[in-house]
C-alpha atoms as a PDB file:
ATOM      1  CA  MET A   1      -0.050  -0.048   0.025  1.00  0.00           C
ATOM      2  CA  SER A   2       1.353   3.319  -1.024  1.00  0.00           C
ATOM      3  CA  LYS A   3       1.634   6.272   1.347  1.00  0.00           C
ATOM      4  CA  LYS A   4      -1.043   8.174  -0.615  1.00  0.00           C
ATOM      5  CA  SER A   5      -3.568   5.374  -0.153  1.00  0.00           C
ATOM      6  CA  VAL A   6      -3.139   5.404   3.667  1.00  0.00           C
ATOM      7  CA  PRO A   7      -6.513   6.854   5.036  1.00  0.00           C
ATOM      8  CA  ALA A   8      -5.666  10.010   7.055  1.00  0.00           C
ATOM      9  CA  PRO A   9      -8.397   9.306   9.672  1.00  0.00           C
ATOM     10  CA  LEU A  10      -6.351   6.371  10.660  1.00  0.00           C
ATOM     11  CA  PHE A  11      -3.716   8.689  12.270  1.00  0.00           C
ATOM     12  CA  LEU A  12      -6.335  10.700  14.184  1.00  0.00           C
ATOM     13  CA  PRO A  13      -6.575   8.584  17.293  1.00  0.00           C
ATOM     14  CA  GLY A  14      -2.970   8.505  17.857  1.00  0.00           C
ATOM     15  CA  GLY A  15      -2.618  12.143  16.971  1.00  0.00           C
ATOM     16  CA  VAL A  16      -5.363  13.121  19.538  1.00  0.00           C
ATOM     17  CA  LEU A  17      -3.650  10.927  22.283  1.00  0.00           C
ATOM     18  CA  PHE A  18      -0.285  12.465  21.540  1.00  0.00           C
ATOM     19  CA  LEU A  19      -1.763  15.946  21.744  1.00  0.00           C
ATOM     20  CA  MET A  20      -3.553  15.368  24.935  1.00  0.00           C
ATOM     21  CA  LEU A  21      -1.006  13.259  26.807  1.00  0.00           C
ATOM     22  CA  PHE A  22       2.289  14.998  25.554  1.00  0.00           C
ATOM     23  CA  VAL A  23       1.787  18.290  23.883  1.00  0.00           C
ATOM     24  CA  LEU A  24      -0.717  19.811  26.177  1.00  0.00           C
ATOM     25  CA  PRO A  25       1.186  18.808  29.462  1.00  0.00           C
ATOM     26  CA  MET A  26       4.423  19.986  28.020  1.00  0.00           C
ATOM     27  CA  ALA A  27       2.797  23.303  26.981  1.00  0.00           C
ATOM     28  CA  GLY A  28       1.381  23.708  30.504  1.00  0.00           C
ATOM     29  CA  LEU A  29       4.843  22.845  31.893  1.00  0.00           C
ATOM     30  CA  PHE A  30       6.417  25.600  29.766  1.00  0.00           C
ATOM     31  CA  ILE A  31       3.857  28.125  30.768  1.00  0.00           C
ATOM     32  CA  GLU A  32       4.405  27.283  34.450  1.00  0.00           C
ATOM     33  CA  SER A  33       8.142  27.712  33.963  1.00  0.00           C
ATOM     34  CA  ILE A  34       7.954  31.331  32.931  1.00  0.00           C
ATOM     35  CA  ARG A  35       5.582  32.422  35.884  1.00  0.00           C
ATOM     36  CA  TYR A  36       6.694  34.422  38.779  1.00  0.00           C
ATOM     37  CA  TYR A  37       7.109  32.451  42.049  1.00  0.00           C
ATOM     38  CA  GLU A  38       6.294  34.078  45.349  1.00  0.00           C
ATOM     39  CA  PRO A  39       8.544  32.637  48.051  1.00  0.00           C
ATOM     40  CA  GLY A  40       6.560  30.788  50.535  1.00  0.00           C
ATOM     41  CA  SER A  41       3.663  30.071  48.328  1.00  0.00           C
ATOM     42  CA  ILE A  42       2.629  26.775  46.718  1.00  0.00           C
ATOM     43  CA  GLY A  43       3.289  26.939  43.158  1.00  0.00           C
ATOM     44  CA  SER A  44       2.351  30.118  41.143  1.00  0.00           C
ATOM     45  CA  ALA A  45      -0.815  32.065  41.132  1.00  0.00           C
ATOM     46  CA  SER A  46      -3.056  31.906  38.093  1.00  0.00           C
ATOM     47  CA  ASP A  47      -2.510  35.743  37.444  1.00  0.00           C
ATOM     48  CA  ALA A  48       1.262  35.648  38.227  1.00  0.00           C
ATOM     49  CA  PRO A  49       3.284  37.709  35.762  1.00  0.00           C
ATOM     50  CA  PHE A  50       5.714  36.123  33.305  1.00  0.00           C
ATOM     51  CA  THR A  51       9.504  36.117  33.887  1.00  0.00           C
ATOM     52  CA  LEU A  52      12.642  34.485  32.711  1.00  0.00           C
ATOM     53  CA  ALA A  53      14.024  34.449  36.290  1.00  0.00           C
ATOM     54  CA  ASN A  54      13.543  30.773  36.591  1.00  0.00           C
ATOM     55  CA  TYR A  55      15.838  30.069  33.638  1.00  0.00           C
ATOM     56  CA  ARG A  56      18.354  32.587  34.628  1.00  0.00           C
ATOM     57  CA  GLU A  57      18.595  30.869  37.894  1.00  0.00           C
ATOM     58  CA  LEU A  58      19.906  27.751  36.066  1.00  0.00           C
ATOM     59  CA  LEU A  59      22.944  29.609  34.889  1.00  0.00           C
ATOM     60  CA  LYS A  60      24.317  29.311  38.482  1.00  0.00           C
ATOM     61  CA  ALA A  61      27.336  26.941  39.031  1.00  0.00           C
ATOM     62  CA  SER A  62      25.423  24.795  41.507  1.00  0.00           C
ATOM     63  CA  PHE A  63      22.720  23.818  38.733  1.00  0.00           C
ATOM     64  CA  ALA A  64      25.422  23.428  36.145  1.00  0.00           C
ATOM     65  CA  GLY A  65      26.978  20.842  38.516  1.00  0.00           C
ATOM     66  CA  PHE A  66      23.730  18.874  38.678  1.00  0.00           C
ATOM     67  CA  PHE A  67      23.417  18.699  34.944  1.00  0.00           C
ATOM     68  CA  TRP A  68      27.028  17.752  34.295  1.00  0.00           C
ATOM     69  CA  GLN A  69      26.889  15.069  37.039  1.00  0.00           C
ATOM     70  CA  THR A  70      23.726  13.684  35.508  1.00  0.00           C
ATOM     71  CA  LEU A  71      25.025  13.800  31.891  1.00  0.00           C
ATOM     72  CA  ARG A  72      28.351  12.471  32.847  1.00  0.00           C
ATOM     73  CA  ILE A  73      27.298   9.407  34.926  1.00  0.00           C
ATOM     74  CA  SER A  74      24.472   8.635  32.326  1.00  0.00           C
ATOM     75  CA  PHE A  75      26.838   8.705  29.315  1.00  0.00           C
ATOM     76  CA  LEU A  76      29.601   6.582  30.886  1.00  0.00           C
ATOM     77  CA  ALA A  77      26.972   4.044  32.097  1.00  0.00           C
ATOM     78  CA  SER A  78      25.343   3.868  28.654  1.00  0.00           C
ATOM     79  CA  ALA A  79      28.745   3.419  26.943  1.00  0.00           C
ATOM     80  CA  VAL A  80      29.819   0.606  29.407  1.00  0.00           C
ATOM     81  CA  GLY A  81      26.379  -0.926  28.980  1.00  0.00           C
ATOM     82  CA  ILE A  82      26.700  -1.012  25.180  1.00  0.00           C
ATOM     83  CA  SER A  83      30.254  -2.565  25.357  1.00  0.00           C
ATOM     84  CA  LEU A  84      28.899  -5.300  27.515  1.00  0.00           C
ATOM     85  CA  ALA A  85      25.464  -5.821  25.782  1.00  0.00           C
ATOM     86  CA  PHE A  86      26.876  -6.034  22.350  1.00  0.00           C
ATOM     87  CA  PRO A  87      28.988  -9.321  22.875  1.00  0.00           C
ATOM     88  CA  LEU A  88      26.053 -10.835  24.953  1.00  0.00           C
ATOM     89  CA  ALA A  89      23.628 -10.049  22.031  1.00  0.00           C
ATOM     90  CA  TYR A  90      26.149 -11.536  19.439  1.00  0.00           C
ATOM     91  CA  TRP A  91      26.729 -14.635  21.533  1.00  0.00           C
ATOM     92  CA  ILE A  92      22.886 -15.116  21.992  1.00  0.00           C
ATOM     93  CA  ALA A  93      22.092 -14.599  18.304  1.00  0.00           C
ATOM     94  CA  ARG A  94      25.102 -16.456  16.602  1.00  0.00           C
ATOM     95  CA  ARG A  95      26.147 -19.173  19.204  1.00  0.00           C
ATOM     96  CA  LEU A  96      23.153 -20.421  20.854  1.00  0.00           C
ATOM     97  CA  SER A  97      20.627 -22.874  19.722  1.00  0.00           C
ATOM     98  CA  PRO A  98      16.974 -21.744  19.209  1.00  0.00           C
ATOM     99  CA  GLN A  99      15.827 -23.368  22.460  1.00  0.00           C
ATOM    100  CA  TRP A 100      18.704 -21.738  24.573  1.00  0.00           C
ATOM    101  CA  ARG A 101      18.192 -18.424  22.757  1.00  0.00           C
ATOM    102  CA  MET A 102      14.513 -18.391  23.865  1.00  0.00           C
ATOM    103  CA  VAL A 103      15.744 -19.057  27.449  1.00  0.00           C
ATOM    104  CA  ALA A 104      18.292 -16.086  27.178  1.00  0.00           C
ATOM    105  CA  ILE A 105      15.757 -13.687  25.789  1.00  0.00           C
ATOM    106  CA  GLY A 106      13.294 -14.775  28.540  1.00  0.00           C
ATOM    107  CA  PHE A 107      15.807 -14.100  31.255  1.00  0.00           C
ATOM    108  CA  PHE A 108      16.498 -10.569  29.958  1.00  0.00           C
ATOM    109  CA  VAL A 109      12.879  -9.868  29.577  1.00  0.00           C
ATOM    110  CA  THR A 110      12.469 -10.985  33.195  1.00  0.00           C
ATOM    111  CA  LEU A 111      15.106  -8.535  34.268  1.00  0.00           C
ATOM    112  CA  MET A 112      13.388  -5.717  32.436  1.00  0.00           C
ATOM    113  CA  PHE A 113      10.302  -6.289  34.440  1.00  0.00           C
ATOM    114  CA  LEU A 114      11.959  -6.893  37.807  1.00  0.00           C
ATOM    115  CA  SER A 115      11.250  -3.920  40.207  1.00  0.00           C
ATOM    116  CA  VAL A 116      13.974  -1.313  39.970  1.00  0.00           C
ATOM    117  CA  LEU A 117      13.343  -0.668  43.564  1.00  0.00           C
ATOM    118  CA  VAL A 118      14.151  -4.250  44.536  1.00  0.00           C
ATOM    119  CA  ARG A 119      17.317  -4.296  42.505  1.00  0.00           C
ATOM    120  CA  THR A 120      18.547  -0.921  43.740  1.00  0.00           C
ATOM    121  CA  TYR A 121      18.325  -1.942  47.359  1.00  0.00           C
ATOM    122  CA  ALA A 122      19.879  -5.164  46.610  1.00  0.00           C
ATOM    123  CA  LEU A 123      22.932  -3.332  45.381  1.00  0.00           C
ATOM    124  CA  GLU A 124      22.719  -1.017  48.438  1.00  0.00           C
ATOM    125  CA  LEU A 125      22.604  -3.917  50.729  1.00  0.00           C
ATOM    126  CA  THR A 126      25.553  -5.724  49.054  1.00  0.00           C
ATOM    127  CA  PHE A 127      27.915  -2.991  48.039  1.00  0.00           C
ATOM    128  CA  GLY A 128      26.880  -0.237  50.394  1.00  0.00           C
ATOM    129  CA  ALA A 129      28.756   1.065  53.430  1.00  0.00           C
ATOM    130  CA  ALA A 130      26.699  -1.227  55.761  1.00  0.00           C
ATOM    131  CA  GLY A 131      26.713  -4.146  53.365  1.00  0.00           C
ATOM    132  CA  PRO A 132      28.736  -7.444  53.860  1.00  0.00           C
ATOM    133  CA  LEU A 133      31.358  -6.363  51.384  1.00  0.00           C
ATOM    134  CA  GLY A 134      31.731  -2.929  53.105  1.00  0.00           C
ATOM    135  CA  PRO A 135      34.677  -4.100  55.549  1.00  0.00           C
ATOM    136  CA  PHE A 136      36.439  -5.883  52.646  1.00  0.00           C
ATOM    137  CA  LEU A 137      36.296  -2.740  50.565  1.00  0.00           C
ATOM    138  CA  ARG A 138      37.528  -0.514  53.298  1.00  0.00           C
ATOM    139  CA  GLN A 139      40.541  -2.881  53.788  1.00  0.00           C
ATOM    140  CA  LEU A 140      41.376  -2.332  50.307  1.00  0.00           C
ATOM    141  CA  GLY A 141      41.329   1.353  50.776  1.00  0.00           C
ATOM    142  CA  VAL A 142      37.979   2.138  49.183  1.00  0.00           C
ATOM    143  CA  ALA A 143      36.042   4.883  50.867  1.00  0.00           C
ATOM    144  CA  THR A 144      32.548   3.388  50.781  1.00  0.00           C
ATOM    145  CA  ASN A 145      31.106   6.873  51.656  1.00  0.00           C
ATOM    146  CA  GLY A 146      33.221   8.695  49.167  1.00  0.00           C
ATOM    147  CA  ARG A 147      31.736  10.636  46.260  1.00  0.00           C
ATOM    148  CA  GLY A 148      33.639   8.577  43.668  1.00  0.00           C
ATOM    149  CA  TYR A 149      32.515   5.149  44.989  1.00  0.00           C
ATOM    150  CA  ILE A 150      28.847   6.405  45.367  1.00  0.00           C
ATOM    151  CA  GLY A 151      28.942   7.631  41.810  1.00  0.00           C
ATOM    152  CA  LEU A 152      30.305   4.259  40.702  1.00  0.00           C
ATOM    153  CA  LEU A 153      27.486   2.548  42.554  1.00  0.00           C
ATOM    154  CA  VAL A 154      24.833   4.748  40.928  1.00  0.00           C
ATOM    155  CA  GLY A 155      26.411   3.804  37.539  1.00  0.00           C
ATOM    156  CA  ALA A 156      26.129   0.234  38.422  1.00  0.00           C
ATOM    157  CA  GLY A 157      22.588   0.662  39.275  1.00  0.00           C
ATOM    158  CA  LEU A 158      21.861   2.124  35.876  1.00  0.00           C
ATOM    159  CA  LEU A 159      23.560  -0.830  34.199  1.00  0.00           C
ATOM    160  CA  HIS A 160      20.920  -3.125  35.782  1.00  0.00           C
ATOM    161  CA  TYR A 161      18.509  -1.657  33.177  1.00  0.00           C
ATOM    162  CA  ILE A 162      20.791  -0.639  30.408  1.00  0.00           C
ATOM    163  CA  ILE A 163      22.306  -4.065  29.879  1.00  0.00           C
ATOM    164  CA  PRO A 164      19.050  -6.105  29.374  1.00  0.00           C
ATOM    165  CA  MET A 165      17.572  -3.198  27.455  1.00  0.00           C
ATOM    166  CA  SER A 166      20.528  -2.943  25.129  1.00  0.00           C
ATOM    167  CA  THR A 167      20.880  -6.656  24.623  1.00  0.00           C
ATOM    168  CA  LEU A 168      17.263  -7.183  23.612  1.00  0.00           C
ATOM    169  CA  THR A 169      17.512  -4.043  21.269  1.00  0.00           C
ATOM    170  CA  LEU A 170      20.825  -5.413  19.661  1.00  0.00           C
ATOM    171  CA  LEU A 171      19.532  -8.985  19.090  1.00  0.00           C
ATOM    172  CA  GLY A 172      17.348  -7.895  16.152  1.00  0.00           C
ATOM    173  CA  THR A 173      20.066  -5.859  14.686  1.00  0.00           C
ATOM    174  CA  ILE A 174      22.794  -8.587  14.799  1.00  0.00           C
ATOM    175  CA  GLN A 175      20.189 -11.151  13.434  1.00  0.00           C
ATOM    176  CA  ASN A 176      19.713  -8.951  10.330  1.00  0.00           C
ATOM    177  CA  VAL A 177      23.419  -8.954   9.550  1.00  0.00           C
ATOM    178  CA  ASP A 178      24.270 -11.743   7.111  1.00  0.00           C
ATOM    179  CA  PRO A 179      27.075 -13.747   8.809  1.00  0.00           C
ATOM    180  CA  ARG A 180      28.355 -14.642   5.322  1.00  0.00           C
ATOM    181  CA  LEU A 181      29.759 -11.134   4.971  1.00  0.00           C
ATOM    182  CA  THR A 182      32.063 -11.678   7.949  1.00  0.00           C
ATOM    183  CA  GLU A 183      32.962 -15.175   6.664  1.00  0.00           C
ATOM    184  CA  ALA A 184      33.755 -13.725   3.380  1.00  0.00           C
ATOM    185  CA  ALA A 185      36.205 -11.136   5.023  1.00  0.00           C
ATOM    186  CA  GLN A 186      37.852 -14.044   6.771  1.00  0.00           C
ATOM    187  CA  VAL A 187      38.195 -16.033   3.679  1.00  0.00           C
ATOM    188  CA  LEU A 188      40.059 -13.001   2.094  1.00  0.00           C
ATOM    189  CA  GLY A 189      42.590 -13.010   4.791  1.00  0.00           C
ATOM    190  CA  ALA A 190      41.151 -10.801   7.525  1.00  0.00           C
ATOM    191  CA  PRO A 191      41.694 -12.021  11.175  1.00  0.00           C
ATOM    192  CA  ASN A 192      38.588 -12.795  13.268  1.00  0.00           C
ATOM    193  CA  TRP A 193      38.725  -9.580  15.184  1.00  0.00           C
ATOM    194  CA  LYS A 194      39.348  -7.382  12.199  1.00  0.00           C
ATOM    195  CA  ALA A 195      36.469  -8.995  10.287  1.00  0.00           C
ATOM    196  CA  HIS A 196      34.102  -8.041  13.166  1.00  0.00           C
ATOM    197  CA  LEU A 197      35.440  -4.469  13.414  1.00  0.00           C
ATOM    198  CA  THR A 198      35.292  -3.751   9.714  1.00  0.00           C
ATOM    199  CA  VAL A 199      32.083  -5.671   8.706  1.00  0.00           C
ATOM    200  CA  THR A 200      29.873  -6.565  11.608  1.00  0.00           C
ATOM    201  CA  LEU A 201      30.248  -3.426  13.658  1.00  0.00           C
ATOM    202  CA  PRO A 202      29.549  -0.851  10.991  1.00  0.00           C
ATOM    203  CA  LEU A 203      26.576  -2.820   9.861  1.00  0.00           C
ATOM    204  CA  CYS A 204      25.199  -2.733  13.420  1.00  0.00           C
ATOM    205  CA  MET A 205      26.127   0.947  14.105  1.00  0.00           C
ATOM    206  CA  ARG A 206      22.590   2.186  13.915  1.00  0.00           C
ATOM    207  CA  GLY A 207      21.232  -0.513  16.193  1.00  0.00           C
ATOM    208  CA  ILE A 208      24.089   0.336  18.591  1.00  0.00           C
ATOM    209  CA  LEU A 209      23.125   4.020  18.355  1.00  0.00           C
ATOM    210  CA  ALA A 210      19.581   3.100  19.098  1.00  0.00           C
ATOM    211  CA  ALA A 211      20.409   0.971  22.107  1.00  0.00           C
ATOM    212  CA  PHE A 212      22.837   3.600  23.431  1.00  0.00           C
ATOM    213  CA  LEU A 213      20.128   6.348  23.165  1.00  0.00           C
ATOM    214  CA  PHE A 214      17.576   4.114  24.926  1.00  0.00           C
ATOM    215  CA  GLY A 215      20.072   3.561  27.822  1.00  0.00           C
ATOM    216  CA  PHE A 216      21.083   7.213  27.908  1.00  0.00           C
ATOM    217  CA  THR A 217      17.481   8.695  27.887  1.00  0.00           C
ATOM    218  CA  PHE A 218      16.489   6.063  30.702  1.00  0.00           C
ATOM    219  CA  SER A 219      19.722   7.071  32.677  1.00  0.00           C
ATOM    220  CA  ILE A 220      19.247  10.949  32.604  1.00  0.00           C
ATOM    221  CA  SER A 221      15.765  10.491  33.696  1.00  0.00           C
ATOM    222  CA  ALA A 222      16.398   7.948  36.465  1.00  0.00           C
ATOM    223  CA  PHE A 223      14.943   8.896  39.797  1.00  0.00           C
ATOM    224  CA  VAL A 224      14.896   5.915  42.245  1.00  0.00           C
ATOM    225  CA  ILE A 225      18.517   4.748  41.569  1.00  0.00           C
ATOM    226  CA  PRO A 226      20.292   8.054  42.355  1.00  0.00           C
ATOM    227  CA  MET A 227      17.956   8.747  45.190  1.00  0.00           C
ATOM    228  CA  ILE A 228      18.827   5.474  46.986  1.00  0.00           C
ATOM    229  CA  LEU A 229      22.330   4.786  45.927  1.00  0.00           C
ATOM    230  CA  GLY A 230      23.407   8.439  45.792  1.00  0.00           C
ATOM    231  CA  LYS A 231      22.880   9.022  49.440  1.00  0.00           C
ATOM    232  CA  GLY A 232      22.218  12.595  49.026  1.00  0.00           C
ATOM    233  CA  ARG A 233      25.806  13.153  47.609  1.00  0.00           C
ATOM    234  CA  VAL A 234      25.234  12.040  43.989  1.00  0.00           C
ATOM    235  CA  LEU A 235      21.854  13.286  42.769  1.00  0.00           C
ATOM    236  CA  PHE A 236      20.342  13.566  39.194  1.00  0.00           C
ATOM    237  CA  ILE A 237      18.249  16.458  37.698  1.00  0.00           C
ATOM    238  CA  SER A 238      15.126  14.245  38.286  1.00  0.00           C
ATOM    239  CA  ASN A 239      15.852  14.269  42.031  1.00  0.00           C
ATOM    240  CA  LEU A 240      16.204  18.065  41.876  1.00  0.00           C
ATOM    241  CA  ILE A 241      12.977  18.337  40.029  1.00  0.00           C
ATOM    242  CA  TYR A 242      11.269  16.255  42.540  1.00  0.00           C
ATOM    243  CA  THR A 243      12.564  18.397  45.411  1.00  0.00           C
ATOM    244  CA  ARG A 244      11.423  21.622  43.786  1.00  0.00           C
ATOM    245  CA  PHE A 245       7.900  20.248  43.102  1.00  0.00           C
ATOM    246  CA  SER A 246       7.324  18.360  46.249  1.00  0.00           C
ATOM    247  CA  GLU A 247       9.359  19.748  49.110  1.00  0.00           C
ATOM    248  CA  ILE A 248       9.760  23.362  48.270  1.00  0.00           C
ATOM    249  CA  ALA A 249       6.567  23.745  46.203  1.00  0.00           C
ATOM    250  CA  ASN A 250       8.372  25.843  43.833  1.00  0.00           C
ATOM    251  CA  TYR A 251       6.633  24.809  40.647  1.00  0.00           C
ATOM    252  CA  PRO A 252       7.902  27.300  38.316  1.00  0.00           C
ATOM    253  CA  SER A 253      11.515  26.470  39.114  1.00  0.00           C
ATOM    254  CA  GLY A 254      10.805  22.762  38.780  1.00  0.00           C
ATOM    255  CA  ALA A 255       9.070  23.338  35.457  1.00  0.00           C
ATOM    256  CA  ALA A 256      12.058  25.413  34.090  1.00  0.00           C
ATOM    257  CA  ILE A 257      14.529  22.469  34.960  1.00  0.00           C
ATOM    258  CA  SER A 258      12.253  19.951  33.385  1.00  0.00           C
ATOM    259  CA  VAL A 259      11.953  22.027  30.191  1.00  0.00           C
ATOM    260  CA  VAL A 260      15.696  22.483  30.030  1.00  0.00           C
ATOM    261  CA  LEU A 261      16.337  18.810  30.628  1.00  0.00           C
ATOM    262  CA  PHE A 262      13.878  17.836  27.963  1.00  0.00           C
ATOM    263  CA  PHE A 263      15.391  20.108  25.235  1.00  0.00           C
ATOM    264  CA  LEU A 264      18.998  19.196  26.286  1.00  0.00           C
ATOM    265  CA  ALA A 265      18.050  15.496  25.916  1.00  0.00           C
ATOM    266  CA  MET A 266      16.612  16.143  22.405  1.00  0.00           C
ATOM    267  CA  LEU A 267      19.649  17.989  21.405  1.00  0.00           C
ATOM    268  CA  ILE A 268      21.951  15.270  22.386  1.00  0.00           C
ATOM    269  CA  VAL A 269      19.748  12.541  20.669  1.00  0.00           C
ATOM    270  CA  TYR A 270      19.557  14.513  17.422  1.00  0.00           C
ATOM    271  CA  ALA A 271      23.284  15.518  17.421  1.00  0.00           C
ATOM    272  CA  MET A 272      24.509  11.895  18.022  1.00  0.00           C
ATOM    273  CA  THR A 273      21.987  10.672  15.360  1.00  0.00           C
ATOM    274  CA  TYR A 274      23.176  13.124  12.864  1.00  0.00           C
ATOM    275  CA  LEU A 275      26.897  12.425  13.587  1.00  0.00           C
ATOM    276  CA  VAL A 276      26.424   8.695  13.233  1.00  0.00           C
ATOM    277  CA  ASN A 277      24.351   8.751  10.246  1.00  0.00           C
ATOM    278  CA  ARG A 278      26.836  11.128   8.509  1.00  0.00           C
ATOM    279  CA  GLY A 279      29.908   9.010   9.516  1.00  0.00           C
ATOM    280  CA  TRP A 280      28.271   5.555   8.599  1.00  0.00           C
ATOM    281  CA  GLN A 281      26.188   6.240   5.549  1.00  0.00           C
END
């Protein structure tokens, strides 16, 4: 069926839902972000004047630190997750029998549905300062309450979701690559590692990008993981937004942070997509 023959009314239900559930709430969030906030009040008044003070506040170094910390840990966790998920996905797609492949896929799907709260507390109870490995880590000279170790623990918590998500995403990508292309490169004299780097990896690059962006967008919006594992020392922008809305009741400031995070994430996604498509077309 050609594009011209697709009835336009078929797009109407999805368009209406998108308008009601995304466009209108985001528009309301943006309007709230440019409202004046009276200290001590809950939110902004309906007749509050418009101002850009909520956005100018984000230029302070303290807010820049929150954004940098969120983006840095999220980027590193997503990169590590992809580097671990790609060999797993390749092994499942190319080395396992169909029966064991179904078992492996079911295992990763189960990990996706396992409560993030359960896994986060499991990491905290195991690797936290009061966990059974705490004394052993301190004997090795690791400061379990140090900022670096806590940041590492937050990254490990993100990997609990990034690795299963990326593995499942990459499975279809690897299965769509004809293995005979890699075998042809090996027949022509390329070593095994070089055949994969020059044939398999470039053909999977768009799938790798998609898996990376899935993990990255999940990470920058994570709330429970940095809240529990961060121990108040490593917090993400989502935690700051929650504080602004629920504890301080400064809705305009929380809305401004949310809008900036949304557009920053969109900018990163489109920039990385453009660079990858330009480099691997």
